[in-house]
Amino acid sequence: MTIVAALRIEGIPALIGDFLITDEQYGTDHFWLPTRPNLNDPRYPKLPRRISGLRRKLHLINERFVVGFTGAVDAGAVIFADLERRFRTSNKSPSIKEISRALEQFNVLFDRRATVVGWTCGSRPRCFRWSARPGSSATHEPYAIEGSGSHHFADLLTKADVSGYSPEVKIAFEKSVLLGLSTVGAVLTEELSTGANLRASYGSGAEIVLYTGNRFEFVSKIGYAFLNVRIELNGSITIMPSNVSVVYEARERYCLLQVTQYSLTEKGLKAENTYLQAFTPLHDDMTQLVLTGADEVTPECSYYFNGIAFLDTRTNRSGTLQIGGISSGDLWFRVLKRGDKLYSFQWDHRMLQDMILFAASRATPAASQKLAD
């Protein structure tokens, strides 16, 4: 039902988690996803598990202790609530032994139904993993990738023909943000193209927690734009924006994911439908939370991801190009405000074409992966 990954990116401790919740209620409609609105169409290939909802699976217990969960939702709710009760107010890092003592009480109650990974930072950040089994304990690990999508996600980490960040980025923390962004952006890119991540029972976006040097924080706001590219036989390049864009924003205890669907007009893309979803923690439904127009998320972000699916007709090569960027430092991609609630995306076509041609030169012959038609 999930993917949670505790690992280092450019040496920086990171925790990544998706939002998808699945179950085994076969024959019942999937929870509707704006990124994949045709899931309940009888012609859509059947998924191995039913998509039953969306929740936040990462939780900052305190600024020195962050956890991610995979398993049964009811187990995650109890475990997150207990860890929060024990460790939230101290803002100190519990040792892995203390974490283990807290989790061992659930070994029998949630046998084979719960796995927790995360980071705790005393004198230095330490990654840990625990899975509910009789006699199990939390252990120190170099990294931990868990959940139904773990194998697929591990492949996705190296799948893109080119994945990285703009050359203006020099600071290690910013590099880790953008490489992490390329990773979670790859999940959305896959969801809008082949949908293979949904067949591995994870997705609908993901979020990242990073260690800043003295505390763990969610990457606060990320914009996602997608392109379909075709390199013609004569070498010319046709670039078409996908009909979907996405903005993620972390808001303390919950986060927002806004998906906008576009139609193509003579003047370019026109926003037709915007869907705003709030993802709450496993242990807190936040029933008093009501979203209004004031909660609408603007496309102006600190960080951006561009997911590009390309086909080179000259060589029959296709692939993906995934690039993270910083709004203040990048010249090749910008979001410009044109008026009240009116924005446009701007790419430097020469730089974009150079990157596409470079990615195409490294791709292998494969089936086309068009994004969100």
Protein backbone atom coordinates (compact mmCIF):
# COMPACT_ATOMS: atom_id res chain seq x y z
CA MET A 1 0.00 0.00 0.00
CA THR A 2 2.92 2.33 0.16
CA ILE A 3 6.50 3.40 -0.16
CA VAL A 4 8.56 4.89 2.66
CA ALA A 5 12.28 5.38 2.19
CA ALA A 6 14.87 6.56 4.70
CA LEU A 7 18.12 7.22 2.87
CA ARG A 8 20.84 9.80 2.31
CA ILE A 9 20.73 12.11 -0.71
CA GLU A 10 24.05 13.84 -1.38
CA GLY A 11 24.93 12.85 2.20
CA ILE A 12 21.83 14.55 3.65
CA PRO A 13 19.41 12.34 5.68
CA ALA A 14 16.05 12.17 3.89
CA LEU A 15 12.70 10.49 4.37
CA ILE A 16 10.33 10.00 1.41
CA GLY A 17 6.73 8.79 1.55
CA ASP A 18 3.81 8.53 -0.86
CA PHE A 19 0.09 9.16 -0.18
CA LEU A 20 -1.75 6.17 -1.65
CA ILE A 21 -3.86 3.85 0.54
CA THR A 22 -4.98 0.50 -0.88
CA ASP A 23 -6.99 -2.49 0.31
CA GLU A 24 -8.25 -5.84 -0.96
CA GLN A 25 -11.92 -4.94 -1.48
CA TYR A 26 -12.03 -6.22 -5.03
CA GLY A 27 -15.07 -5.39 -7.13
CA THR A 28 -15.46 -1.97 -5.47
CA ASP A 29 -14.60 1.26 -7.27
CA HIS A 30 -11.22 2.87 -6.75
CA PHE A 31 -10.96 6.16 -4.89
CA TRP A 32 -10.93 8.80 -7.63
CA LEU A 33 -7.53 10.28 -8.52
CA PRO A 34 -7.25 13.51 -10.56
CA THR A 35 -3.88 12.27 -11.85
CA ARG A 36 -5.51 9.10 -13.20
CA PRO A 37 -9.26 9.82 -13.58
CA ASN A 38 -10.01 6.73 -15.71
CA LEU A 39 -9.13 4.07 -13.11
CA ASN A 40 -12.74 2.88 -12.83
CA ASP A 41 -13.18 2.59 -16.59
CA PRO A 42 -13.73 -1.13 -17.38
CA ARG A 43 -11.17 -0.75 -20.18
CA TYR A 44 -8.42 0.32 -17.76
CA PRO A 45 -6.07 -2.54 -16.80
CA LYS A 46 -7.00 -3.99 -13.42
CA LEU A 47 -4.78 -3.07 -10.47
CA PRO A 48 -3.71 -5.74 -7.96
CA ARG A 49 -5.23 -3.76 -5.06
CA ARG A 50 -8.11 -1.30 -4.76
CA ILE A 51 -7.17 2.34 -4.16
CA SER A 52 -9.20 3.26 -1.06
CA GLY A 53 -7.91 6.71 -0.11
CA LEU A 54 -5.03 9.10 0.43
CA ARG A 55 -3.18 9.86 3.66
CA ARG A 56 0.09 11.31 4.91
CA LYS A 57 2.47 8.51 5.96
CA LEU A 58 5.39 10.62 7.20
CA HIS A 59 5.20 12.36 10.55
CA LEU A 60 7.51 14.76 12.33
CA ILE A 61 7.29 13.61 15.93
CA ASN A 62 9.59 16.49 16.85
CA GLU A 63 12.31 18.44 15.08
CA ARG A 64 14.90 15.72 15.86
CA PHE A 65 12.76 12.64 15.22
CA VAL A 66 10.82 11.77 12.05
CA VAL A 67 9.04 8.53 11.10
CA GLY A 68 7.41 6.89 8.12
CA PHE A 69 4.91 4.01 8.20
CA THR A 70 3.83 1.19 5.91
CA GLY A 71 1.23 -1.42 6.78
CA ALA A 72 -2.37 -1.44 7.97
CA VAL A 73 -3.85 2.05 8.47
CA ASP A 74 -5.36 1.19 11.87
CA ALA A 75 -1.94 0.00 13.10
CA GLY A 76 -0.25 3.15 11.82
CA ALA A 77 -2.79 5.34 13.60
CA VAL A 78 -2.12 3.67 16.96
CA ILE A 79 1.66 3.68 16.54
CA PHE A 80 1.92 7.32 15.40
CA ALA A 81 -0.32 8.44 18.28
CA ASP A 82 1.80 6.55 20.81
CA LEU A 83 5.12 7.87 19.47
CA GLU A 84 3.74 11.40 19.45
CA ARG A 85 2.52 11.07 23.05
CA ARG A 86 5.92 9.82 24.19
CA PHE A 87 8.32 12.06 22.27
CA ARG A 88 6.60 15.12 20.75
CA THR A 89 7.03 17.66 23.55
CA SER A 90 10.70 17.03 24.36
CA ASN A 91 12.21 18.12 21.01
CA LYS A 92 15.01 15.75 21.92
CA SER A 93 16.14 12.80 19.91
CA PRO A 94 15.21 9.44 21.43
CA SER A 95 17.87 6.76 21.13
CA ILE A 96 17.15 3.77 18.92
CA LYS A 97 16.87 1.70 22.12
CA GLU A 98 14.17 4.07 23.41
CA ILE A 99 12.37 3.88 20.07
CA SER A 100 12.60 0.11 20.18
CA ARG A 101 11.11 -0.05 23.68
CA ALA A 102 8.20 2.08 22.51
CA LEU A 103 7.54 -0.09 19.44
CA GLU A 104 8.08 -3.56 20.93
CA GLN A 105 4.69 -3.39 22.69
CA PHE A 106 3.10 -3.68 19.20
CA ASN A 107 5.06 -6.75 18.07
CA VAL A 108 2.22 -9.18 18.75
CA LEU A 109 -0.75 -6.81 18.39
CA PHE A 110 0.28 -5.78 14.86
CA ASP A 111 2.27 -8.87 13.87
CA ARG A 112 3.24 -8.51 10.17
CA ARG A 113 0.92 -5.51 9.82
CA ALA A 114 3.29 -2.63 10.61
CA THR A 115 6.73 -1.34 9.62
CA VAL A 116 8.29 1.93 10.75
CA VAL A 117 11.41 3.55 9.31
CA GLY A 118 12.88 6.95 10.07
CA TRP A 119 15.63 9.10 11.46
CA THR A 120 16.55 10.17 14.96
CA CYS A 121 19.27 12.71 15.59
CA GLY A 122 21.27 12.87 18.82
CA SER A 123 24.91 13.72 18.22
CA ARG A 124 24.32 12.72 14.57
CA PRO A 125 21.39 11.48 12.44
CA ARG A 126 20.82 7.72 12.60
CA CYS A 127 18.49 5.72 10.37
CA PHE A 128 16.37 2.97 11.95
CA ARG A 129 13.88 0.30 10.96
CA TRP A 130 11.33 -1.76 12.89
CA SER A 131 8.80 -4.33 11.69
CA ALA A 132 6.18 -5.90 13.94
CA ARG A 133 7.11 -9.52 14.65
CA PRO A 134 7.27 -11.45 17.92
CA GLY A 135 10.64 -10.61 19.49
CA SER A 136 11.42 -7.86 16.95
CA SER A 137 13.33 -4.69 17.87
CA ALA A 138 14.24 -1.44 16.14
CA THR A 139 17.66 -1.61 14.50
CA HIS A 140 20.16 0.91 13.17
CA GLU A 141 20.35 0.69 9.36
CA PRO A 142 22.40 2.47 6.67
CA TYR A 143 19.11 3.01 4.80
CA ALA A 144 15.62 1.48 4.64
CA ILE A 145 13.17 1.28 1.72
CA GLU A 146 9.92 -0.42 2.70
CA GLY A 147 6.39 -1.01 1.42
CA SER A 148 4.61 -2.73 -1.42
CA GLY A 149 6.30 -0.43 -3.92
CA SER A 150 9.83 -0.79 -2.54
CA HIS A 151 11.28 -2.78 -5.45
CA HIS A 152 9.63 -0.62 -8.10
CA PHE A 153 10.70 2.56 -6.28
CA ALA A 154 14.29 1.35 -6.02
CA ASP A 155 14.27 0.80 -9.80
CA LEU A 156 12.75 4.25 -10.31
CA LEU A 157 15.69 5.85 -8.50
CA THR A 158 17.90 5.04 -11.48
CA LYS A 159 15.35 4.64 -14.27
CA ALA A 160 15.39 8.13 -15.84
CA ASP A 161 17.66 8.57 -18.82
CA VAL A 162 18.76 11.86 -17.25
CA SER A 163 17.84 13.02 -13.75
CA GLY A 164 19.37 15.85 -11.80
CA TYR A 165 19.41 19.57 -11.05
CA SER A 166 20.38 22.82 -12.70
CA PRO A 167 24.09 23.78 -12.75
CA GLU A 168 23.47 26.94 -10.70
CA VAL A 169 23.01 24.78 -7.60
CA LYS A 170 26.19 24.60 -5.50
CA ILE A 171 25.13 23.95 -1.88
CA ALA A 172 24.91 20.31 -0.74
CA PHE A 173 21.54 20.83 0.97
CA GLU A 174 20.03 22.36 -2.18
CA LYS A 175 21.47 19.50 -4.24
CA SER A 176 19.78 17.03 -1.88
CA VAL A 177 16.46 18.90 -2.19
CA LEU A 178 16.56 18.82 -5.97
CA LEU A 179 17.74 15.22 -6.30
CA GLY A 180 15.03 14.23 -3.82
CA LEU A 181 12.60 16.27 -5.86
CA SER A 182 13.66 14.41 -9.00
CA THR A 183 12.91 11.18 -7.15
CA VAL A 184 9.39 12.07 -5.98
CA GLY A 185 8.72 13.78 -9.32
CA ALA A 186 9.53 10.49 -11.01
CA VAL A 187 6.58 8.94 -9.16
CA LEU A 188 4.17 11.50 -10.62
CA THR A 189 5.80 11.22 -14.05
CA GLU A 190 5.23 7.47 -13.97
CA GLU A 191 1.66 7.92 -12.78
CA LEU A 192 0.85 10.26 -15.67
CA SER A 193 2.49 8.00 -18.28
CA THR A 194 2.54 4.23 -17.76
CA GLY A 195 0.86 4.11 -14.34
CA ALA A 196 3.31 1.38 -13.33
CA ASN A 197 3.66 2.82 -9.81
CA LEU A 198 -0.09 2.28 -9.22
CA ARG A 199 0.33 -1.35 -10.22
CA ALA A 200 2.96 -1.50 -7.46
CA SER A 201 0.31 -0.01 -5.11
CA TYR A 202 1.90 3.33 -4.30
CA GLY A 203 1.83 6.88 -5.58
CA SER A 204 -0.51 9.85 -6.03
CA GLY A 205 2.54 11.97 -5.36
CA ALA A 206 5.03 11.88 -2.51
CA GLU A 207 6.70 14.22 -0.03
CA ILE A 208 10.20 14.67 1.37
CA VAL A 209 11.63 15.40 4.81
CA LEU A 210 15.27 16.53 4.94
CA TYR A 211 17.74 17.22 7.74
CA THR A 212 18.78 20.89 7.61
CA GLY A 213 21.79 20.53 9.89
CA ASN A 214 19.95 21.01 13.17
CA ARG A 215 16.39 19.79 12.53
CA PHE A 216 14.17 17.77 10.21
CA GLU A 217 11.78 19.70 7.95
CA PHE A 218 9.37 18.96 5.13
CA VAL A 219 10.33 20.50 1.79
CA SER A 220 7.64 23.16 1.99
CA LYS A 221 6.34 23.79 -1.55
CA ILE A 222 6.99 22.09 -4.89
CA GLY A 223 5.61 22.79 -8.35
CA TYR A 224 5.45 20.05 -10.99
CA ALA A 225 5.25 20.67 -14.74
CA PHE A 226 5.28 18.02 -17.46
CA LEU A 227 6.13 18.00 -21.17
CA ASN A 228 5.72 15.62 -24.10
CA VAL A 229 8.52 15.89 -26.66
CA ARG A 230 8.94 14.39 -30.12
CA ILE A 231 12.20 14.62 -32.09
CA GLU A 232 11.22 14.49 -35.77
CA LEU A 233 13.06 12.69 -38.55
CA ASN A 234 14.46 16.01 -39.80
CA GLY A 235 15.89 16.81 -36.34
CA SER A 236 13.29 19.41 -35.40
CA ILE A 237 11.80 19.16 -31.91
CA THR A 238 8.09 19.39 -31.13
CA ILE A 239 7.38 20.31 -27.49
CA MET A 240 3.89 20.07 -26.01
CA PRO A 241 3.01 20.75 -22.38
CA SER A 242 1.07 17.97 -20.68
CA ASN A 243 -2.52 18.75 -19.74
CA VAL A 244 -1.75 18.40 -16.03
CA SER A 245 0.29 20.40 -13.51
CA VAL A 246 0.65 19.75 -9.78
CA VAL A 247 1.57 21.82 -6.71
CA TYR A 248 2.39 20.33 -3.29
CA GLU A 249 2.47 22.41 -0.10
CA ALA A 250 3.29 21.28 3.46
CA ARG A 251 1.15 22.96 6.12
CA GLU A 252 2.26 21.88 9.57
CA ARG A 253 0.18 18.81 10.47
CA TYR A 254 -1.30 18.25 7.03
CA CYS A 255 -0.31 18.89 3.41
CA LEU A 256 -2.08 19.92 0.23
CA LEU A 257 -1.85 18.55 -3.29
CA GLN A 258 -3.43 20.63 -6.03
CA VAL A 259 -3.89 19.10 -9.49
CA THR A 260 -4.89 21.34 -12.41
CA GLN A 261 -6.16 19.93 -15.69
CA TYR A 262 -5.83 21.97 -18.89
CA SER A 263 -7.30 22.09 -22.38
CA LEU A 264 -5.44 23.22 -25.48
CA THR A 265 -6.70 26.43 -27.13
CA GLU A 266 -5.39 28.63 -29.92
CA LYS A 267 -3.77 30.85 -27.28
CA GLY A 268 -2.16 27.96 -25.41
CA LEU A 269 -3.21 25.96 -22.37
CA LYS A 270 -6.32 26.97 -20.44
CA ALA A 271 -7.02 25.72 -16.91
CA GLU A 272 -10.29 23.78 -16.91
CA ASN A 273 -10.47 21.94 -13.57
CA THR A 274 -8.54 22.32 -10.32
CA TYR A 275 -8.69 19.69 -7.58
CA LEU A 276 -7.37 20.49 -4.10
CA GLN A 277 -6.83 17.64 -1.66
CA ALA A 278 -5.70 17.70 1.97
CA PHE A 279 -3.72 14.72 3.28
CA THR A 280 -3.89 14.26 7.05
CA PRO A 281 -1.75 12.06 9.34
CA LEU A 282 -2.69 8.42 9.85
CA HIS A 283 -3.60 9.09 13.49
CA ASP A 284 -5.54 12.32 13.04
CA ASP A 285 -8.45 12.68 10.59
CA MET A 286 -8.59 16.43 11.36
CA THR A 287 -12.37 16.37 10.94
CA GLN A 288 -12.57 20.11 11.69
CA LEU A 289 -10.38 20.93 8.66
CA VAL A 290 -12.45 22.61 5.94
CA LEU A 291 -10.81 23.81 2.74
CA THR A 292 -12.07 27.02 1.18
CA GLY A 293 -11.06 29.21 -1.75
CA ALA A 294 -8.52 30.87 0.53
CA ASP A 295 -6.61 27.59 0.67
CA GLU A 296 -6.01 27.53 -3.07
CA VAL A 297 -2.35 26.88 -3.78
CA THR A 298 -0.60 29.22 -6.23
CA PRO A 299 1.94 27.90 -8.78
CA GLU A 300 4.67 30.12 -7.29
CA CYS A 301 7.02 27.72 -5.48
CA SER A 302 10.51 27.61 -4.01
CA TYR A 303 11.30 24.46 -5.97
CA TYR A 304 10.17 23.07 -9.30
CA PHE A 305 10.25 19.71 -11.05
CA ASN A 306 10.02 19.19 -14.79
CA GLY A 307 9.11 15.72 -16.01
CA ILE A 308 9.70 15.26 -19.73
CA ALA A 309 8.71 12.22 -21.80
CA PHE A 310 10.45 12.13 -25.17
CA LEU A 311 10.42 10.07 -28.35
CA ASP A 312 13.22 10.28 -30.91
CA THR A 313 11.69 9.11 -34.20
CA ARG A 314 15.14 9.01 -35.82
CA THR A 315 16.34 6.20 -33.58
CA ASN A 316 13.07 4.88 -32.10
CA ARG A 317 14.42 5.76 -28.67
CA SER A 318 12.18 7.03 -25.90
CA GLY A 319 12.63 7.87 -22.26
CA THR A 320 12.22 10.44 -19.50
CA LEU A 321 14.14 13.49 -18.42
CA GLN A 322 13.65 14.64 -14.83
CA ILE A 323 15.00 17.98 -13.62
CA GLY A 324 14.72 19.80 -10.32
CA GLY A 325 15.22 23.55 -10.09
CA ILE A 326 15.13 26.51 -7.71
CA SER A 327 12.81 29.37 -8.60
CA SER A 328 15.34 32.06 -7.66
CA GLY A 329 18.28 30.59 -9.53
CA ASP A 330 17.08 28.94 -12.72
CA LEU A 331 17.02 30.68 -16.07
CA TRP A 332 15.66 27.80 -18.16
CA PHE A 333 12.26 27.49 -16.38
CA ARG A 334 10.14 30.13 -14.66
CA VAL A 335 6.58 30.65 -13.47
CA LEU A 336 5.42 34.18 -14.26
CA LYS A 337 2.44 35.95 -12.73
CA ARG A 338 0.41 37.70 -15.44
CA GLY A 339 -2.43 39.06 -13.33
CA ASP A 340 -4.84 38.11 -10.57
CA LYS A 341 -4.72 34.29 -10.42
CA LEU A 342 -3.22 34.21 -13.91
CA TYR A 343 0.15 32.52 -14.39
CA SER A 344 2.25 31.25 -17.25
CA PHE A 345 5.10 28.74 -17.52
CA GLN A 346 8.17 29.83 -19.43
CA TRP A 347 10.97 27.60 -20.68
CA ASP A 348 14.22 28.63 -22.36
CA HIS A 349 13.72 26.58 -25.52
CA ARG A 350 17.37 26.44 -26.51
CA MET A 351 18.48 25.14 -23.12
CA LEU A 352 15.50 22.77 -23.03
CA GLN A 353 16.28 21.38 -26.49
CA ASP A 354 19.93 20.83 -25.57
CA MET A 355 18.89 18.83 -22.49
CA ILE A 356 16.36 16.80 -24.50
CA LEU A 357 18.91 15.91 -27.19
CA PHE A 358 21.43 14.91 -24.53
CA ALA A 359 18.87 12.68 -22.82
CA ALA A 360 17.81 11.16 -26.15
CA SER A 361 21.43 10.28 -26.95
CA ARG A 362 21.55 8.16 -23.80
CA ALA A 363 18.16 6.50 -24.15
CA THR A 364 17.52 2.95 -25.32
CA PRO A 365 14.84 1.80 -27.80
CA ALA A 366 11.56 1.48 -25.91
CA ALA A 367 7.85 2.12 -26.08
CA SER A 368 6.65 5.72 -25.99
CA GLN A 369 5.68 7.11 -22.57
CA LYS A 370 3.34 10.01 -23.30
CA LEU A 371 2.26 12.02 -20.27
CA ALA A 372 -1.37 12.59 -19.31
CA ASP A 373 -3.32 12.95 -22.48
